[in-house]
Amino acid sequence: MATRHLIIGAGPAGINAIETLRAIDSDCEITLVCDEPAYARMVLPYYLEGKVDERALMTGGDEWFSEHRVSTRLGVRVTAVDPASNQVALDDGARGIVERRALELAPTPLAEEPHRLSARSKRAC
């Protein structure tokens, strides 16, 4: 039976984790969960300034995920991780079990101040 891995976050760290897992174990099952599309936050200022196009911003697309045999759950947020039982809960009510600990790779934004505009996510633009 293939080992099941869960990657939380679709930025460069998440993509690197997928590539590393595939290189180590070509038969493992990989599921990616992220509440946003797969893109690199550090490229966002260049995108907003028009210095790069959207293609340079994105870290992975449907073709890339298919090629790497990754099941994606984009637009869904992990609401709970129980390391003792290896269970995760998603905001759409789904629950799952992973045999390897979930990897929390997406940075957690600081609390936003009402008077400050933040571009921490593509959705905020």
PDB file of N, CA and C in Angstrom:
ATOM      1  N   MET A   1       0.840  -1.180   0.000  1.00  0.00           N
ATOM      2  CA  MET A   1       0.000   0.000   0.000  1.00  0.00           C
ATOM      3  C   MET A   1       0.888   1.247   0.000  1.00  0.00           C
ATOM      4  N   ALA A   2       0.545   2.215  -0.832  1.00  0.00           N
ATOM      5  CA  ALA A   2       1.330   3.440  -0.964  1.00  0.00           C
ATOM      6  C   ALA A   2       1.164   4.333   0.261  1.00  0.00           C
ATOM      7  N   THR A   3       2.262   4.977   0.652  1.00  0.00           N
ATOM      8  CA  THR A   3       2.226   5.925   1.750  1.00  0.00           C
ATOM      9  C   THR A   3       1.476   7.173   1.305  1.00  0.00           C
ATOM     10  N   ARG A   4       0.602   7.687   2.175  1.00  0.00           N
ATOM     11  CA  ARG A   4      -0.183   8.885   1.855  1.00  0.00           C
ATOM     12  C   ARG A   4       0.437  10.112   2.525  1.00  0.00           C
ATOM     13  N   HIS A   5       0.673  11.148   1.719  1.00  0.00           N
ATOM     14  CA  HIS A   5       1.246  12.402   2.207  1.00  0.00           C
ATOM     15  C   HIS A   5       0.258  13.528   1.956  1.00  0.00           C
ATOM     16  N   LEU A   6       0.233  14.473   2.863  1.00  0.00           N
ATOM     17  CA  LEU A   6      -0.580  15.672   2.704  1.00  0.00           C
ATOM     18  C   LEU A   6       0.338  16.882   2.729  1.00  0.00           C
ATOM     19  N   ILE A   7       0.231  17.714   1.705  1.00  0.00           N
ATOM     20  CA  ILE A   7       0.979  18.962   1.643  1.00  0.00           C
ATOM     21  C   ILE A   7      -0.027  20.084   1.830  1.00  0.00           C
ATOM     22  N   ILE A   8       0.234  20.959   2.786  1.00  0.00           N
ATOM     23  CA  ILE A   8      -0.638  22.100   3.045  1.00  0.00           C
ATOM     24  C   ILE A   8       0.097  23.338   2.555  1.00  0.00           C
ATOM     25  N   GLY A   9      -0.436  23.960   1.527  1.00  0.00           N
ATOM     26  CA  GLY A   9       0.182  25.150   0.960  1.00  0.00           C
ATOM     27  C   GLY A   9       0.774  24.856  -0.406  1.00  0.00           C
ATOM     28  N   ALA A  10       0.462  25.713  -1.385  1.00  0.00           N
ATOM     29  CA  ALA A  10       0.866  25.470  -2.771  1.00  0.00           C
ATOM     30  C   ALA A  10       1.913  26.449  -3.270  1.00  0.00           C
ATOM     31  N   GLY A  11       2.644  27.055  -2.347  1.00  0.00           N
ATOM     32  CA  GLY A  11       3.730  27.946  -2.746  1.00  0.00           C
ATOM     33  C   GLY A  11       4.969  27.150  -3.108  1.00  0.00           C
ATOM     34  N   PRO A  12       6.096  27.827  -3.267  1.00  0.00           N
ATOM     35  CA  PRO A  12       7.329  27.137  -3.650  1.00  0.00           C
ATOM     36  C   PRO A  12       7.726  26.012  -2.687  1.00  0.00           C
ATOM     37  N   ALA A  13       7.528  26.182  -1.394  1.00  0.00           N
ATOM     38  CA  ALA A  13       7.883  25.123  -0.435  1.00  0.00           C
ATOM     39  C   ALA A  13       7.013  23.886  -0.655  1.00  0.00           C
ATOM     40  N   GLY A  14       5.737  24.083  -0.905  1.00  0.00           N
ATOM     41  CA  GLY A  14       4.846  22.959  -1.169  1.00  0.00           C
ATOM     42  C   GLY A  14       5.209  22.233  -2.451  1.00  0.00           C
ATOM     43  N   ILE A  15       5.536  22.999  -3.496  1.00  0.00           N
ATOM     44  CA  ILE A  15       5.929  22.403  -4.778  1.00  0.00           C
ATOM     45  C   ILE A  15       7.234  21.627  -4.616  1.00  0.00           C
ATOM     46  N   ASN A  16       8.177  22.199  -3.862  1.00  0.00           N
ATOM     47  CA  ASN A  16       9.439  21.504  -3.610  1.00  0.00           C
ATOM     48  C   ASN A  16       9.206  20.213  -2.828  1.00  0.00           C
ATOM     49  N   ALA A  17       8.298  20.240  -1.865  1.00  0.00           N
ATOM     50  CA  ALA A  17       7.980  19.029  -1.102  1.00  0.00           C
ATOM     51  C   ALA A  17       7.418  17.946  -2.025  1.00  0.00           C
ATOM     52  N   ILE A  18       6.550  18.340  -2.952  1.00  0.00           N
ATOM     53  CA  ILE A  18       5.981  17.373  -3.908  1.00  0.00           C
ATOM     54  C   ILE A  18       7.088  16.753  -4.754  1.00  0.00           C
ATOM     55  N   GLU A  19       7.970  17.597  -5.299  1.00  0.00           N
ATOM     56  CA  GLU A  19       9.060  17.089  -6.135  1.00  0.00           C
ATOM     57  C   GLU A  19       9.981  16.160  -5.340  1.00  0.00           C
ATOM     58  N   THR A  20      10.254  16.519  -4.083  1.00  0.00           N
ATOM     59  CA  THR A  20      11.125  15.696  -3.238  1.00  0.00           C
ATOM     60  C   THR A  20      10.473  14.354  -2.926  1.00  0.00           C
ATOM     61  N   LEU A  21       9.195  14.380  -2.556  1.00  0.00           N
ATOM     62  CA  LEU A  21       8.489  13.127  -2.266  1.00  0.00           C
ATOM     63  C   LEU A  21       8.455  12.220  -3.488  1.00  0.00           C
ATOM     64  N   ARG A  22       8.188  12.794  -4.657  1.00  0.00           N
ATOM     65  CA  ARG A  22       8.142  11.998  -5.894  1.00  0.00           C
ATOM     66  C   ARG A  22       9.504  11.368  -6.169  1.00  0.00           C
ATOM     67  N   ALA A  23      10.593  12.113  -5.915  1.00  0.00           N
ATOM     68  CA  ALA A  23      11.940  11.593  -6.168  1.00  0.00           C
ATOM     69  C   ALA A  23      12.292  10.461  -5.198  1.00  0.00           C
ATOM     70  N   ILE A  24      11.797  10.560  -3.970  1.00  0.00           N
ATOM     71  CA  ILE A  24      12.100   9.552  -2.948  1.00  0.00           C
ATOM     72  C   ILE A  24      11.218   8.317  -3.097  1.00  0.00           C
ATOM     73  N   ASP A  25       9.937   8.544  -3.400  1.00  0.00           N
ATOM     74  CA  ASP A  25       8.970   7.444  -3.461  1.00  0.00           C
ATOM     75  C   ASP A  25       7.998   7.687  -4.612  1.00  0.00           C
ATOM     76  N   SER A  26       8.289   7.113  -5.740  1.00  0.00           N
ATOM     77  CA  SER A  26       7.467   7.370  -6.929  1.00  0.00           C
ATOM     78  C   SER A  26       6.054   6.798  -6.819  1.00  0.00           C
ATOM     79  N   ASP A  27       5.827   5.886  -5.863  1.00  0.00           N
ATOM     80  CA  ASP A  27       4.511   5.268  -5.715  1.00  0.00           C
ATOM     81  C   ASP A  27       3.630   5.903  -4.640  1.00  0.00           C
ATOM     82  N   CYS A  28       4.151   6.876  -3.911  1.00  0.00           N
ATOM     83  CA  CYS A  28       3.367   7.450  -2.808  1.00  0.00           C
ATOM     84  C   CYS A  28       2.163   8.234  -3.336  1.00  0.00           C
ATOM     85  N   GLU A  29       1.176   8.407  -2.471  1.00  0.00           N
ATOM     86  CA  GLU A  29       0.004   9.224  -2.790  1.00  0.00           C
ATOM     87  C   GLU A  29       0.240  10.609  -2.193  1.00  0.00           C
ATOM     88  N   ILE A  30       0.032  11.637  -2.999  1.00  0.00           N
ATOM     89  CA  ILE A  30       0.230  13.015  -2.540  1.00  0.00           C
ATOM     90  C   ILE A  30      -1.053  13.788  -2.768  1.00  0.00           C
ATOM     91  N   THR A  31      -1.503  14.441  -1.714  1.00  0.00           N
ATOM     92  CA  THR A  31      -2.650  15.341  -1.808  1.00  0.00           C
ATOM     93  C   THR A  31      -2.183  16.727  -1.388  1.00  0.00           C
ATOM     94  N   LEU A  32      -2.520  17.719  -2.187  1.00  0.00           N
ATOM     95  CA  LEU A  32      -2.190  19.110  -1.908  1.00  0.00           C
ATOM     96  C   LEU A  32      -3.469  19.838  -1.528  1.00  0.00           C
ATOM     97  N   VAL A  33      -3.450  20.516  -0.384  1.00  0.00           N
ATOM     98  CA  VAL A  33      -4.589  21.310   0.057  1.00  0.00           C
ATOM     99  C   VAL A  33      -4.129  22.755   0.206  1.00  0.00           C
ATOM    100  N   CYS A  34      -4.850  23.658  -0.419  1.00  0.00           N
ATOM    101  CA  CYS A  34      -4.526  25.082  -0.304  1.00  0.00           C
ATOM    102  C   CYS A  34      -5.787  25.887  -0.592  1.00  0.00           C
ATOM    103  N   ASP A  35      -6.010  26.926   0.199  1.00  0.00           N
ATOM    104  CA  ASP A  35      -7.213  27.727   0.010  1.00  0.00           C
ATOM    105  C   ASP A  35      -7.080  28.738  -1.125  1.00  0.00           C
ATOM    106  N   GLU A  36      -5.933  28.770  -1.779  1.00  0.00           N
ATOM    107  CA  GLU A  36      -5.707  29.679  -2.894  1.00  0.00           C
ATOM    108  C   GLU A  36      -5.114  28.904  -4.068  1.00  0.00           C
ATOM    109  N   PRO A  37      -5.009  29.531  -5.230  1.00  0.00           N
ATOM    110  CA  PRO A  37      -4.323  28.881  -6.346  1.00  0.00           C
ATOM    111  C   PRO A  37      -2.844  28.687  -6.000  1.00  0.00           C
ATOM    112  N   ALA A  38      -2.157  27.881  -6.769  1.00  0.00           N
ATOM    113  CA  ALA A  38      -0.731  27.627  -6.542  1.00  0.00           C
ATOM    114  C   ALA A  38       0.087  28.771  -7.141  1.00  0.00           C
ATOM    115  N   TYR A  39       0.623  29.630  -6.273  1.00  0.00           N
ATOM    116  CA  TYR A  39       1.449  30.748  -6.735  1.00  0.00           C
ATOM    117  C   TYR A  39       2.495  31.097  -5.685  1.00  0.00           C
ATOM    118  N   ALA A  40       3.496  31.866  -6.097  1.00  0.00           N
ATOM    119  CA  ALA A  40       4.599  32.270  -5.224  1.00  0.00           C
ATOM    120  C   ALA A  40       4.335  33.670  -4.688  1.00  0.00           C
ATOM    121  N   ARG A  41       4.099  33.787  -3.405  1.00  0.00           N
ATOM    122  CA  ARG A  41       3.808  35.090  -2.794  1.00  0.00           C
ATOM    123  C   ARG A  41       4.930  36.096  -2.989  1.00  0.00           C
ATOM    124  N   MET A  42       6.179  35.629  -2.982  1.00  0.00           N
ATOM    125  CA  MET A  42       7.284  36.574  -3.101  1.00  0.00           C
ATOM    126  C   MET A  42       7.359  37.221  -4.483  1.00  0.00           C
ATOM    127  N   VAL A  43       6.657  36.674  -5.463  1.00  0.00           N
ATOM    128  CA  VAL A  43       6.627  37.256  -6.811  1.00  0.00           C
ATOM    129  C   VAL A  43       5.469  38.247  -6.944  1.00  0.00           C
ATOM    130  N   LEU A  44       4.550  38.242  -5.990  1.00  0.00           N
ATOM    131  CA  LEU A  44       3.349  39.072  -6.069  1.00  0.00           C
ATOM    132  C   LEU A  44       3.643  40.564  -6.293  1.00  0.00           C
ATOM    133  N   PRO A  45       4.604  41.186  -5.598  1.00  0.00           N
ATOM    134  CA  PRO A  45       4.874  42.612  -5.870  1.00  0.00           C
ATOM    135  C   PRO A  45       5.286  42.874  -7.321  1.00  0.00           C
ATOM    136  N   TYR A  46       6.072  41.972  -7.910  1.00  0.00           N
ATOM    137  CA  TYR A  46       6.498  42.145  -9.308  1.00  0.00           C
ATOM    138  C   TYR A  46       5.315  42.000 -10.257  1.00  0.00           C
ATOM    139  N   TYR A  47       4.411  41.110  -9.928  1.00  0.00           N
ATOM    140  CA  TYR A  47       3.195  40.924 -10.724  1.00  0.00           C
ATOM    141  C   TYR A  47       2.319  42.179 -10.649  1.00  0.00           C
ATOM    142  N   LEU A  48       2.145  42.706  -9.440  1.00  0.00           N
ATOM    143  CA  LEU A  48       1.307  43.897  -9.260  1.00  0.00           C
ATOM    144  C   LEU A  48       1.901  45.119  -9.953  1.00  0.00           C
ATOM    145  N   GLU A  49       3.229  45.182 -10.036  1.00  0.00           N
ATOM    146  CA  GLU A  49       3.896  46.300 -10.717  1.00  0.00           C
ATOM    147  C   GLU A  49       3.938  46.098 -12.231  1.00  0.00           C
ATOM    148  N   GLY A  50       3.486  44.936 -12.705  1.00  0.00           N
ATOM    149  CA  GLY A  50       3.491  44.656 -14.136  1.00  0.00           C
ATOM    150  C   GLY A  50       4.847  44.233 -14.673  1.00  0.00           C
ATOM    151  N   LYS A  51       5.772  43.874 -13.785  1.00  0.00           N
ATOM    152  CA  LYS A  51       7.112  43.467 -14.214  1.00  0.00           C
ATOM    153  C   LYS A  51       7.160  42.015 -14.682  1.00  0.00           C
ATOM    154  N   VAL A  52       6.216  41.204 -14.217  1.00  0.00           N
ATOM    155  CA  VAL A  52       6.120  39.813 -14.676  1.00  0.00           C
ATOM    156  C   VAL A  52       4.657  39.512 -14.984  1.00  0.00           C
ATOM    157  N   ASP A  53       4.434  38.537 -15.844  1.00  0.00           N
ATOM    158  CA  ASP A  53       3.055  38.164 -16.147  1.00  0.00           C
ATOM    159  C   ASP A  53       2.579  37.087 -15.165  1.00  0.00           C
ATOM    160  N   GLU A  54       1.326  36.729 -15.264  1.00  0.00           N
ATOM    161  CA  GLU A  54       0.734  35.783 -14.323  1.00  0.00           C
ATOM    162  C   GLU A  54       1.418  34.413 -14.377  1.00  0.00           C
ATOM    163  N   ARG A  55       1.908  34.028 -15.534  1.00  0.00           N
ATOM    164  CA  ARG A  55       2.591  32.738 -15.669  1.00  0.00           C
ATOM    165  C   ARG A  55       3.809  32.652 -14.743  1.00  0.00           C
ATOM    166  N   ALA A  56       4.533  33.766 -14.564  1.00  0.00           N
ATOM    167  CA  ALA A  56       5.703  33.793 -13.681  1.00  0.00           C
ATOM    168  C   ALA A  56       5.298  33.710 -12.210  1.00  0.00           C
ATOM    169  N   LEU A  57       4.082  34.097 -11.917  1.00  0.00           N
ATOM    170  CA  LEU A  57       3.567  34.087 -10.546  1.00  0.00           C
ATOM    171  C   LEU A  57       3.164  32.682 -10.094  1.00  0.00           C
ATOM    172  N   MET A  58       2.656  31.892 -11.014  1.00  0.00           N
ATOM    173  CA  MET A  58       2.099  30.584 -10.670  1.00  0.00           C
ATOM    174  C   MET A  58       3.204  29.536 -10.453  1.00  0.00           C
ATOM    175  N   THR A  59       2.999  28.668  -9.452  1.00  0.00           N
ATOM    176  CA  THR A  59       3.978  27.624  -9.158  1.00  0.00           C
ATOM    177  C   THR A  59       3.590  26.274  -9.745  1.00  0.00           C
ATOM    178  N   GLY A  60       2.352  26.083 -10.056  1.00  0.00           N
ATOM    179  CA  GLY A  60       1.900  24.814 -10.626  1.00  0.00           C
ATOM    180  C   GLY A  60       0.506  24.960 -11.197  1.00  0.00           C
ATOM    181  N   GLY A  61       0.231  24.191 -12.226  1.00  0.00           N
ATOM    182  CA  GLY A  61      -1.090  24.193 -12.838  1.00  0.00           C
ATOM    183  C   GLY A  61      -1.611  22.776 -12.959  1.00  0.00           C
ATOM    184  N   ASP A  62      -2.778  22.643 -13.535  1.00  0.00           N
ATOM    185  CA  ASP A  62      -3.408  21.321 -13.669  1.00  0.00           C
ATOM    186  C   ASP A  62      -2.484  20.299 -14.345  1.00  0.00           C
ATOM    187  N   GLU A  63      -1.815  20.717 -15.405  1.00  0.00           N
ATOM    188  CA  GLU A  63      -0.935  19.805 -16.140  1.00  0.00           C
ATOM    189  C   GLU A  63       0.229  19.342 -15.256  1.00  0.00           C
ATOM    190  N   TRP A  64       0.841  20.285 -14.521  1.00  0.00           N
ATOM    191  CA  TRP A  64       1.972  19.946 -13.656  1.00  0.00           C
ATOM    192  C   TRP A  64       1.531  18.974 -12.557  1.00  0.00           C
ATOM    193  N   PHE A  65       0.385  19.253 -11.928  1.00  0.00           N
ATOM    194  CA  PHE A  65      -0.099  18.377 -10.855  1.00  0.00           C
ATOM    195  C   PHE A  65      -0.448  16.985 -11.399  1.00  0.00           C
ATOM    196  N   SER A  66      -1.020  16.932 -12.569  1.00  0.00           N
ATOM    197  CA  SER A  66      -1.341  15.649 -13.191  1.00  0.00           C
ATOM    198  C   SER A  66      -0.066  14.866 -13.506  1.00  0.00           C
ATOM    199  N   GLU A  67       0.896  15.551 -14.068  1.00  0.00           N
ATOM    200  CA  GLU A  67       2.182  14.939 -14.411  1.00  0.00           C
ATOM    201  C   GLU A  67       2.877  14.350 -13.174  1.00  0.00           C
ATOM    202  N   HIS A  68       2.725  15.020 -12.029  1.00  0.00           N
ATOM    203  CA  HIS A  68       3.351  14.569 -10.781  1.00  0.00           C
ATOM    204  C   HIS A  68       2.405  13.717  -9.927  1.00  0.00           C
ATOM    205  N   ARG A  69       1.248  13.369 -10.502  1.00  0.00           N
ATOM    206  CA  ARG A  69       0.263  12.514  -9.833  1.00  0.00           C
ATOM    207  C   ARG A  69      -0.106  13.041  -8.444  1.00  0.00           C
ATOM    208  N   VAL A  70      -0.534  14.292  -8.435  1.00  0.00           N
ATOM    209  CA  VAL A  70      -0.936  14.955  -7.194  1.00  0.00           C
ATOM    210  C   VAL A  70      -2.433  15.217  -7.240  1.00  0.00           C
ATOM    211  N   SER A  71      -3.138  14.793  -6.203  1.00  0.00           N
ATOM    212  CA  SER A  71      -4.560  15.144  -6.057  1.00  0.00           C
ATOM    213  C   SER A  71      -4.602  16.518  -5.416  1.00  0.00           C
ATOM    214  N   THR A  72      -5.318  17.436  -6.030  1.00  0.00           N
ATOM    215  CA  THR A  72      -5.371  18.794  -5.480  1.00  0.00           C
ATOM    216  C   THR A  72      -6.728  19.094  -4.877  1.00  0.00           C
ATOM    217  N   ARG A  73      -6.702  19.845  -3.812  1.00  0.00           N
ATOM    218  CA  ARG A  73      -7.903  20.372  -3.166  1.00  0.00           C
ATOM    219  C   ARG A  73      -7.684  21.875  -3.011  1.00  0.00           C
ATOM    220  N   LEU A  74      -7.703  22.604  -4.131  1.00  0.00           N
ATOM    221  CA  LEU A  74      -7.507  24.050  -4.115  1.00  0.00           C
ATOM    222  C   LEU A  74      -8.822  24.724  -3.756  1.00  0.00           C
ATOM    223  N   GLY A  75      -8.735  25.809  -3.023  1.00  0.00           N
ATOM    224  CA  GLY A  75      -9.931  26.511  -2.570  1.00  0.00           C
ATOM    225  C   GLY A  75     -10.489  25.950  -1.271  1.00  0.00           C
ATOM    226  N   VAL A  76      -9.747  25.041  -0.651  1.00  0.00           N
ATOM    227  CA  VAL A  76     -10.172  24.401   0.587  1.00  0.00           C
ATOM    228  C   VAL A  76      -9.099  24.654   1.646  1.00  0.00           C
ATOM    229  N   ARG A  77      -9.523  24.898   2.864  1.00  0.00           N
ATOM    230  CA  ARG A  77      -8.603  25.198   3.963  1.00  0.00           C
ATOM    231  C   ARG A  77      -8.583  24.056   4.980  1.00  0.00           C
ATOM    232  N   VAL A  78      -7.407  23.750   5.488  1.00  0.00           N
ATOM    233  CA  VAL A  78      -7.280  22.794   6.584  1.00  0.00           C
ATOM    234  C   VAL A  78      -7.690  23.516   7.859  1.00  0.00           C
ATOM    235  N   THR A  79      -8.624  22.924   8.593  1.00  0.00           N
ATOM    236  CA  THR A  79      -9.103  23.554   9.829  1.00  0.00           C
ATOM    237  C   THR A  79      -8.539  22.909  11.081  1.00  0.00           C
ATOM    238  N   ALA A  80      -8.076  21.665  10.977  1.00  0.00           N
ATOM    239  CA  ALA A  80      -7.506  20.979  12.141  1.00  0.00           C
ATOM    240  C   ALA A  80      -6.574  19.869  11.691  1.00  0.00           C
ATOM    241  N   VAL A  81      -5.498  19.711  12.447  1.00  0.00           N
ATOM    242  CA  VAL A  81      -4.558  18.615  12.237  1.00  0.00           C
ATOM    243  C   VAL A  81      -4.360  17.940  13.583  1.00  0.00           C
ATOM    244  N   ASP A  82      -4.575  16.644  13.636  1.00  0.00           N
ATOM    245  CA  ASP A  82      -4.364  15.875  14.859  1.00  0.00           C
ATOM    246  C   ASP A  82      -3.178  14.946  14.622  1.00  0.00           C
ATOM    247  N   PRO A  83      -1.970  15.369  15.039  1.00  0.00           N
ATOM    248  CA  PRO A  83      -0.780  14.555  14.791  1.00  0.00           C
ATOM    249  C   PRO A  83      -0.832  13.175  15.450  1.00  0.00           C
ATOM    250  N   ALA A  84      -1.529  13.056  16.582  1.00  0.00           N
ATOM    251  CA  ALA A  84      -1.599  11.771  17.280  1.00  0.00           C
ATOM    252  C   ALA A  84      -2.311  10.714  16.444  1.00  0.00           C
ATOM    253  N   SER A  85      -3.371  11.120  15.749  1.00  0.00           N
ATOM    254  CA  SER A  85      -4.130  10.156  14.946  1.00  0.00           C
ATOM    255  C   SER A  85      -3.868  10.303  13.449  1.00  0.00           C
ATOM    256  N   ASN A  86      -3.035  11.290  13.083  1.00  0.00           N
ATOM    257  CA  ASN A  86      -2.737  11.580  11.670  1.00  0.00           C
ATOM    258  C   ASN A  86      -3.991  11.940  10.885  1.00  0.00           C
ATOM    259  N   GLN A  87      -4.954  12.558  11.544  1.00  0.00           N
ATOM    260  CA  GLN A  87      -6.180  12.983  10.862  1.00  0.00           C
ATOM    261  C   GLN A  87      -6.154  14.484  10.614  1.00  0.00           C
ATOM    262  N   VAL A  88      -6.766  14.864   9.504  1.00  0.00           N
ATOM    263  CA  VAL A  88      -6.932  16.283   9.179  1.00  0.00           C
ATOM    264  C   VAL A  88      -8.403  16.541   8.896  1.00  0.00           C
ATOM    265  N   ALA A  89      -8.820  17.768   9.158  1.00  0.00           N
ATOM    266  CA  ALA A  89     -10.186  18.186   8.846  1.00  0.00           C
ATOM    267  C   ALA A  89     -10.100  19.387   7.913  1.00  0.00           C
ATOM    268  N   LEU A  90     -10.990  19.432   6.929  1.00  0.00           N
ATOM    269  CA  LEU A  90     -11.034  20.530   5.966  1.00  0.00           C
ATOM    270  C   LEU A  90     -12.294  21.354   6.176  1.00  0.00           C
ATOM    271  N   ASP A  91     -12.263  22.601   5.709  1.00  0.00           N
ATOM    272  CA  ASP A  91     -13.407  23.487   5.938  1.00  0.00           C
ATOM    273  C   ASP A  91     -14.650  23.105   5.148  1.00  0.00           C
ATOM    274  N   ASP A  92     -14.525  22.159   4.220  1.00  0.00           N
ATOM    275  CA  ASP A  92     -15.710  21.690   3.493  1.00  0.00           C
ATOM    276  C   ASP A  92     -16.338  20.461   4.160  1.00  0.00           C
ATOM    277  N   GLY A  93     -15.818  20.130   5.362  1.00  0.00           N
ATOM    278  CA  GLY A  93     -16.362  19.010   6.120  1.00  0.00           C
ATOM    279  C   GLY A  93     -15.643  17.696   5.898  1.00  0.00           C
ATOM    280  N   ALA A  94     -14.786  17.629   4.889  1.00  0.00           N
ATOM    281  CA  ALA A  94     -14.053  16.389   4.622  1.00  0.00           C
ATOM    282  C   ALA A  94     -13.019  16.131   5.719  1.00  0.00           C
ATOM    283  N   ARG A  95     -12.763  14.858   5.964  1.00  0.00           N
ATOM    284  CA  ARG A  95     -11.733  14.427   6.912  1.00  0.00           C
ATOM    285  C   ARG A  95     -10.862  13.412   6.204  1.00  0.00           C
ATOM    286  N   GLY A  96      -9.630  13.311   6.623  1.00  0.00           N
ATOM    287  CA  GLY A  96      -8.749  12.347   5.989  1.00  0.00           C
ATOM    288  C   GLY A  96      -7.668  11.885   6.932  1.00  0.00           C
ATOM    289  N   ILE A  97      -7.062  10.781   6.578  1.00  0.00           N
ATOM    290  CA  ILE A  97      -5.959  10.228   7.351  1.00  0.00           C
ATOM    291  C   ILE A  97      -4.730  10.195   6.450  1.00  0.00           C
ATOM    292  N   VAL A  98      -3.621  10.645   6.975  1.00  0.00           N
ATOM    293  CA  VAL A  98      -2.356  10.567   6.258  1.00  0.00           C
ATOM    294  C   VAL A  98      -1.405   9.718   7.085  1.00  0.00           C
ATOM    295  N   GLU A  99      -0.575   8.955   6.421  1.00  0.00           N
ATOM    296  CA  GLU A  99       0.347   8.100   7.153  1.00  0.00           C
ATOM    297  C   GLU A  99       1.601   8.841   7.575  1.00  0.00           C
ATOM    298  N   ARG A 100       1.903   9.915   6.910  1.00  0.00           N
ATOM    299  CA  ARG A 100       3.025  10.776   7.291  1.00  0.00           C
ATOM    300  C   ARG A 100       2.444  12.070   7.821  1.00  0.00           C
ATOM    301  N   ARG A 101       3.130  12.650   8.768  1.00  0.00           N
ATOM    302  CA  ARG A 101       2.625  13.894   9.348  1.00  0.00           C
ATOM    303  C   ARG A 101       2.369  14.932   8.273  1.00  0.00           C
ATOM    304  N   ALA A 102       1.310  15.674   8.442  1.00  0.00           N
ATOM    305  CA  ALA A 102       0.993  16.767   7.513  1.00  0.00           C
ATOM    306  C   ALA A 102       2.103  17.804   7.594  1.00  0.00           C
ATOM    307  N   LEU A 103       2.462  18.349   6.455  1.00  0.00           N
ATOM    308  CA  LEU A 103       3.509  19.363   6.395  1.00  0.00           C
ATOM    309  C   LEU A 103       2.854  20.730   6.283  1.00  0.00           C
ATOM    310  N   GLU A 104       3.021  21.546   7.273  1.00  0.00           N
ATOM    311  CA  GLU A 104       2.461  22.891   7.240  1.00  0.00           C
ATOM    312  C   GLU A 104       3.479  23.789   6.567  1.00  0.00           C
ATOM    313  N   LEU A 105       3.227  24.117   5.308  1.00  0.00           N
ATOM    314  CA  LEU A 105       4.214  24.846   4.530  1.00  0.00           C
ATOM    315  C   LEU A 105       3.813  26.269   4.202  1.00  0.00           C
ATOM    316  N   ALA A 106       2.554  26.578   4.280  1.00  0.00           N
ATOM    317  CA  ALA A 106       2.110  27.924   3.944  1.00  0.00           C
ATOM    318  C   ALA A 106       2.340  28.842   5.132  1.00  0.00           C
ATOM    319  N   PRO A 107       2.914  30.029   4.916  1.00  0.00           N
ATOM    320  CA  PRO A 107       3.104  30.956   6.033  1.00  0.00           C
ATOM    321  C   PRO A 107       1.762  31.452   6.542  1.00  0.00           C
ATOM    322  N   THR A 108       1.696  31.719   7.826  1.00  0.00           N
ATOM    323  CA  THR A 108       0.476  32.243   8.422  1.00  0.00           C
ATOM    324  C   THR A 108       0.588  33.759   8.470  1.00  0.00           C
ATOM    325  N   PRO A 109      -0.323  34.481   7.821  1.00  0.00           N
ATOM    326  CA  PRO A 109      -0.228  35.941   7.815  1.00  0.00           C
ATOM    327  C   PRO A 109      -0.462  36.512   9.208  1.00  0.00           C
ATOM    328  N   LEU A 110       0.215  37.618   9.479  1.00  0.00           N
ATOM    329  CA  LEU A 110      -0.009  38.329  10.731  1.00  0.00           C
ATOM    330  C   LEU A 110      -1.382  38.969  10.697  1.00  0.00           C
ATOM    331  N   ALA A 111      -1.908  39.301  11.861  1.00  0.00           N
ATOM    332  CA  ALA A 111      -3.216  39.952  11.919  1.00  0.00           C
ATOM    333  C   ALA A 111      -3.155  41.264  11.139  1.00  0.00           C
ATOM    334  N   GLU A 112      -4.137  41.482  10.319  1.00  0.00           N
ATOM    335  CA  GLU A 112      -4.176  42.689   9.506  1.00  0.00           C
ATOM    336  C   GLU A 112      -4.642  43.879  10.352  1.00  0.00           C
ATOM    337  N   GLU A 113      -4.036  45.039  10.109  1.00  0.00           N
ATOM    338  CA  GLU A 113      -4.471  46.264  10.772  1.00  0.00           C
ATOM    339  C   GLU A 113      -5.455  46.963   9.851  1.00  0.00           C
ATOM    340  N   PRO A 114      -6.534  47.531  10.398  1.00  0.00           N
ATOM    341  CA  PRO A 114      -7.585  48.108   9.548  1.00  0.00           C
ATOM    342  C   PRO A 114      -7.109  49.221   8.622  1.00  0.00           C
ATOM    343  N   HIS A 115      -6.080  49.990   9.009  1.00  0.00           N
ATOM    344  CA  HIS A 115      -5.638  51.130   8.207  1.00  0.00           C
ATOM    345  C   HIS A 115      -4.535  50.780   7.220  1.00  0.00           C
ATOM    346  N   ARG A 116      -4.146  49.528   7.147  1.00  0.00           N
ATOM    347  CA  ARG A 116      -3.035  49.129   6.298  1.00  0.00           C
ATOM    348  C   ARG A 116      -3.513  48.183   5.200  1.00  0.00           C
ATOM    349  N   LEU A 117      -3.090  48.446   3.959  1.00  0.00           N
ATOM    350  CA  LEU A 117      -3.400  47.555   2.843  1.00  0.00           C
ATOM    351  C   LEU A 117      -2.289  46.521   2.740  1.00  0.00           C
ATOM    352  N   SER A 118      -2.644  45.282   2.688  1.00  0.00           N
ATOM    353  CA  SER A 118      -1.657  44.211   2.615  1.00  0.00           C
ATOM    354  C   SER A 118      -1.878  43.392   1.354  1.00  0.00           C
ATOM    355  N   ALA A 119      -0.791  43.061   0.673  1.00  0.00           N
ATOM    356  CA  ALA A 119      -0.882  42.191  -0.502  1.00  0.00           C
ATOM    357  C   ALA A 119      -0.176  40.895  -0.178  1.00  0.00           C
ATOM    358  N   ARG A 120      -0.678  40.180   0.825  1.00  0.00           N
ATOM    359  CA  ARG A 120      -0.089  38.909   1.223  1.00  0.00           C
ATOM    360  C   ARG A 120      -0.627  37.768   0.383  1.00  0.00           C
ATOM    361  N   SER A 121      -1.683  38.020  -0.385  1.00  0.00           N
ATOM    362  CA  SER A 121      -2.240  36.958  -1.199  1.00  0.00           C
ATOM    363  C   SER A 121      -2.754  37.542  -2.500  1.00  0.00           C
ATOM    364  N   LYS A 122      -2.816  36.700  -3.523  1.00  0.00           N
ATOM    365  CA  LYS A 122      -3.335  37.130  -4.821  1.00  0.00           C
ATOM    366  C   LYS A 122      -4.802  37.514  -4.701  1.00  0.00           C
ATOM    367  N   ARG A 123      -5.524  36.820  -3.815  1.00  0.00           N
ATOM    368  CA  ARG A 123      -6.929  37.098  -3.602  1.00  0.00           C
ATOM    369  C   ARG A 123      -7.164  38.519  -3.097  1.00  0.00           C
ATOM    370  N   ALA A 124      -6.195  39.068  -2.348  1.00  0.00           N
ATOM    371  CA  ALA A 124      -6.332  40.405  -1.773  1.00  0.00           C
ATOM    372  C   ALA A 124      -6.189  41.509  -2.822  1.00  0.00           C
ATOM    373  N   CYS A 125      -5.701  41.163  -4.015  1.00  0.00           N
ATOM    374  CA  CYS A 125      -5.425  42.182  -5.039  1.00  0.00           C
ATOM    375  C   CYS A 125      -6.663  42.564  -5.818  1.00  0.00           C
TER     376      CYS A 125
END
